[in-house]
């Protein structure tokens, strides 16, 4: 099988890649989408408990909302999750606001609609 082509994940305003090349997505020949990210919140105002970090282009969207877990670099002992909407929005949900300079890392895998 041919390995899928990887792309840079288009990040939302207020988020930057923690390490060059650490925010990527790809789609296999079987329509399985792989998203990995290591992002840093780079605005002075803390990010809300529900915040969008990126948007996938059409063709890489799930048919239904999908969830996974992720971690924060400041090791706050709070729950944090990542989810992708049916329109490609990648969101993180944290039980506490995310301060400036805090990183979040995770991955999410799902079957695309097309």
C-alpha atoms as a PDB file:
ATOM      1  CA  UNK A   1       0.000   0.000   0.000  1.00  0.00           C
ATOM      2  CA  UNK A   2       1.103   3.524  -0.736  1.00  0.00           C
ATOM      3  CA  UNK A   3       1.674   5.623   2.407  1.00  0.00           C
ATOM      4  CA  UNK A   4      -0.763   8.554   2.631  1.00  0.00           C
ATOM      5  CA  UNK A   5       0.422  12.050   1.784  1.00  0.00           C
ATOM      6  CA  UNK A   6       0.761  14.224   4.893  1.00  0.00           C
ATOM      7  CA  UNK A   7      -0.263  17.877   5.085  1.00  0.00           C
ATOM      8  CA  UNK A   8       0.324  20.697   7.556  1.00  0.00           C
ATOM      9  CA  UNK A   9      -2.716  21.165   9.779  1.00  0.00           C
ATOM     10  CA  UNK A  10      -4.258  24.656   9.258  1.00  0.00           C
ATOM     11  CA  UNK A  11      -4.281  26.050  12.811  1.00  0.00           C
ATOM     12  CA  UNK A  12      -6.781  28.536  14.194  1.00  0.00           C
ATOM     13  CA  UNK A  13      -5.756  32.005  15.307  1.00  0.00           C
ATOM     14  CA  UNK A  14      -4.142  31.919  18.734  1.00  0.00           C
ATOM     15  CA  UNK A  15      -2.464  28.531  18.222  1.00  0.00           C
ATOM     16  CA  UNK A  16       0.961  27.685  16.829  1.00  0.00           C
ATOM     17  CA  UNK A  17       2.818  24.453  16.219  1.00  0.00           C
ATOM     18  CA  UNK A  18       4.933  23.525  19.249  1.00  0.00           C
ATOM     19  CA  UNK A  19       7.589  21.963  17.014  1.00  0.00           C
ATOM     20  CA  UNK A  20       7.938  22.370  13.260  1.00  0.00           C
ATOM     21  CA  UNK A  21       6.028  19.571  11.530  1.00  0.00           C
ATOM     22  CA  UNK A  22       4.176  18.485  14.679  1.00  0.00           C
ATOM     23  CA  UNK A  23       0.696  19.386  13.392  1.00  0.00           C
ATOM     24  CA  UNK A  24      -0.157  17.095  10.491  1.00  0.00           C
ATOM     25  CA  UNK A  25      -3.033  15.244   8.877  1.00  0.00           C
ATOM     26  CA  UNK A  26      -3.329  12.521   6.244  1.00  0.00           C
ATOM     27  CA  UNK A  27      -5.928  10.237   4.667  1.00  0.00           C
ATOM     28  CA  UNK A  28      -5.282   6.611   3.745  1.00  0.00           C
ATOM     29  CA  UNK A  29      -6.560   4.828   0.638  1.00  0.00           C
ATOM     30  CA  UNK A  30      -9.216   3.318   2.923  1.00  0.00           C
ATOM     31  CA  UNK A  31     -10.489   6.857   3.805  1.00  0.00           C
ATOM     32  CA  UNK A  32      -9.053   6.761   7.333  1.00  0.00           C
ATOM     33  CA  UNK A  33      -7.976  10.230   8.498  1.00  0.00           C
ATOM     34  CA  UNK A  34      -5.077  10.622  10.929  1.00  0.00           C
ATOM     35  CA  UNK A  35      -4.609  13.958  12.737  1.00  0.00           C
ATOM     36  CA  UNK A  36      -1.717  14.628  15.110  1.00  0.00           C
ATOM     37  CA  UNK A  37      -0.967  17.895  16.858  1.00  0.00           C
ATOM     38  CA  UNK A  38       1.329  19.556  19.370  1.00  0.00           C
ATOM     39  CA  UNK A  39       0.101  23.123  19.688  1.00  0.00           C
ATOM     40  CA  UNK A  40       0.833  26.065  21.961  1.00  0.00           C
ATOM     41  CA  UNK A  41      -1.670  28.736  22.944  1.00  0.00           C
ATOM     42  CA  UNK A  42       0.099  31.959  21.947  1.00  0.00           C
ATOM     43  CA  UNK A  43      -2.341  34.716  22.956  1.00  0.00           C
ATOM     44  CA  UNK A  44      -2.174  36.660  26.234  1.00  0.00           C
ATOM     45  CA  UNK A  45      -5.821  35.876  27.057  1.00  0.00           C
ATOM     46  CA  UNK A  46      -6.398  32.298  28.234  1.00  0.00           C
ATOM     47  CA  UNK A  47      -8.240  30.017  25.812  1.00  0.00           C
ATOM     48  CA  UNK A  48     -11.741  29.089  26.895  1.00  0.00           C
ATOM     49  CA  UNK A  49     -12.644  25.600  28.042  1.00  0.00           C
ATOM     50  CA  UNK A  50     -14.044  24.897  24.531  1.00  0.00           C
ATOM     51  CA  UNK A  51     -11.802  26.262  21.798  1.00  0.00           C
ATOM     52  CA  UNK A  52     -11.155  25.484  18.138  1.00  0.00           C
ATOM     53  CA  UNK A  53      -7.511  24.765  17.326  1.00  0.00           C
ATOM     54  CA  UNK A  54      -7.735  23.875  13.612  1.00  0.00           C
ATOM     55  CA  UNK A  55      -9.999  23.149  10.641  1.00  0.00           C
ATOM     56  CA  UNK A  56      -9.637  20.269   8.219  1.00  0.00           C
ATOM     57  CA  UNK A  57     -10.444  20.838   4.541  1.00  0.00           C
ATOM     58  CA  UNK A  58     -13.532  19.246   3.014  1.00  0.00           C
ATOM     59  CA  UNK A  59     -12.862  15.642   2.043  1.00  0.00           C
ATOM     60  CA  UNK A  60     -11.196  15.016   5.408  1.00  0.00           C
ATOM     61  CA  UNK A  61     -14.348  15.462   7.524  1.00  0.00           C
ATOM     62  CA  UNK A  62     -15.946  12.712   9.642  1.00  0.00           C
ATOM     63  CA  UNK A  63     -19.553  11.682   9.046  1.00  0.00           C
ATOM     64  CA  UNK A  64     -20.305  12.205  12.756  1.00  0.00           C
ATOM     65  CA  UNK A  65     -18.685  13.917  15.727  1.00  0.00           C
ATOM     66  CA  UNK A  66     -15.590  11.980  16.888  1.00  0.00           C
ATOM     67  CA  UNK A  67     -13.698  12.256  20.200  1.00  0.00           C
ATOM     68  CA  UNK A  68     -10.314  11.364  21.636  1.00  0.00           C
ATOM     69  CA  UNK A  69      -8.190  12.336  24.649  1.00  0.00           C
ATOM     70  CA  UNK A  70      -5.158  14.632  24.699  1.00  0.00           C
ATOM     71  CA  UNK A  71      -2.715  16.094  27.233  1.00  0.00           C
ATOM     72  CA  UNK A  72      -1.619  19.540  28.373  1.00  0.00           C
ATOM     73  CA  UNK A  73       2.066  20.422  28.646  1.00  0.00           C
ATOM     74  CA  UNK A  74       1.533  22.229  31.945  1.00  0.00           C
ATOM     75  CA  UNK A  75       0.264  18.911  33.417  1.00  0.00           C
ATOM     76  CA  UNK A  76      -2.807  20.460  34.996  1.00  0.00           C
ATOM     77  CA  UNK A  77      -4.740  17.585  36.508  1.00  0.00           C
ATOM     78  CA  UNK A  78      -7.883  18.361  34.599  1.00  0.00           C
ATOM     79  CA  UNK A  79      -9.721  16.436  31.941  1.00  0.00           C
ATOM     80  CA  UNK A  80      -8.977  17.447  28.369  1.00  0.00           C
ATOM     81  CA  UNK A  81     -10.351  16.012  25.141  1.00  0.00           C
ATOM     82  CA  UNK A  82     -10.174  16.667  21.414  1.00  0.00           C
ATOM     83  CA  UNK A  83     -13.080  16.317  19.040  1.00  0.00           C
ATOM     84  CA  UNK A  84     -13.665  16.812  15.325  1.00  0.00           C
ATOM     85  CA  UNK A  85     -17.013  18.055  14.018  1.00  0.00           C
ATOM     86  CA  UNK A  86     -18.820  16.971  10.866  1.00  0.00           C
ATOM     87  CA  UNK A  87     -17.563  20.190   9.217  1.00  0.00           C
ATOM     88  CA  UNK A  88     -13.878  19.602  10.016  1.00  0.00           C
ATOM     89  CA  UNK A  89     -13.499  21.817  13.081  1.00  0.00           C
ATOM     90  CA  UNK A  90     -10.993  20.400  15.555  1.00  0.00           C
ATOM     91  CA  UNK A  91     -11.795  21.521  19.083  1.00  0.00           C
ATOM     92  CA  UNK A  92     -10.292  20.916  22.493  1.00  0.00           C
ATOM     93  CA  UNK A  93     -12.391  20.792  25.633  1.00  0.00           C
ATOM     94  CA  UNK A  94     -10.696  21.334  28.973  1.00  0.00           C
ATOM     95  CA  UNK A  95     -12.163  21.518  32.458  1.00  0.00           C
ATOM     96  CA  UNK A  96     -10.022  24.657  32.988  1.00  0.00           C
ATOM     97  CA  UNK A  97      -8.985  27.587  30.777  1.00  0.00           C
ATOM     98  CA  UNK A  98      -5.721  27.112  28.890  1.00  0.00           C
ATOM     99  CA  UNK A  99      -3.172  29.828  29.749  1.00  0.00           C
ATOM    100  CA  UNK A 100      -0.846  31.528  27.297  1.00  0.00           C
ATOM    101  CA  UNK A 101       2.196  29.365  26.608  1.00  0.00           C
ATOM    102  CA  UNK A 102       0.483  26.091  27.538  1.00  0.00           C
ATOM    103  CA  UNK A 103       0.749  23.283  25.032  1.00  0.00           C
ATOM    104  CA  UNK A 104      -1.746  20.604  24.071  1.00  0.00           C
ATOM    105  CA  UNK A 105      -0.858  17.384  22.256  1.00  0.00           C
ATOM    106  CA  UNK A 106      -2.985  14.593  20.885  1.00  0.00           C
ATOM    107  CA  UNK A 107      -4.243  12.636  17.929  1.00  0.00           C
ATOM    108  CA  UNK A 108      -7.573  11.708  16.478  1.00  0.00           C
ATOM    109  CA  UNK A 109      -8.345   8.977  13.927  1.00  0.00           C
ATOM    110  CA  UNK A 110     -11.625   8.456  12.049  1.00  0.00           C
ATOM    111  CA  UNK A 111     -13.185   7.449   8.732  1.00  0.00           C
ATOM    112  CA  UNK A 112     -13.826  10.377   6.372  1.00  0.00           C
ATOM    113  CA  UNK A 113     -17.157  10.880   4.639  1.00  0.00           C
ATOM    114  CA  UNK A 114     -15.574  10.876   1.170  1.00  0.00           C
END
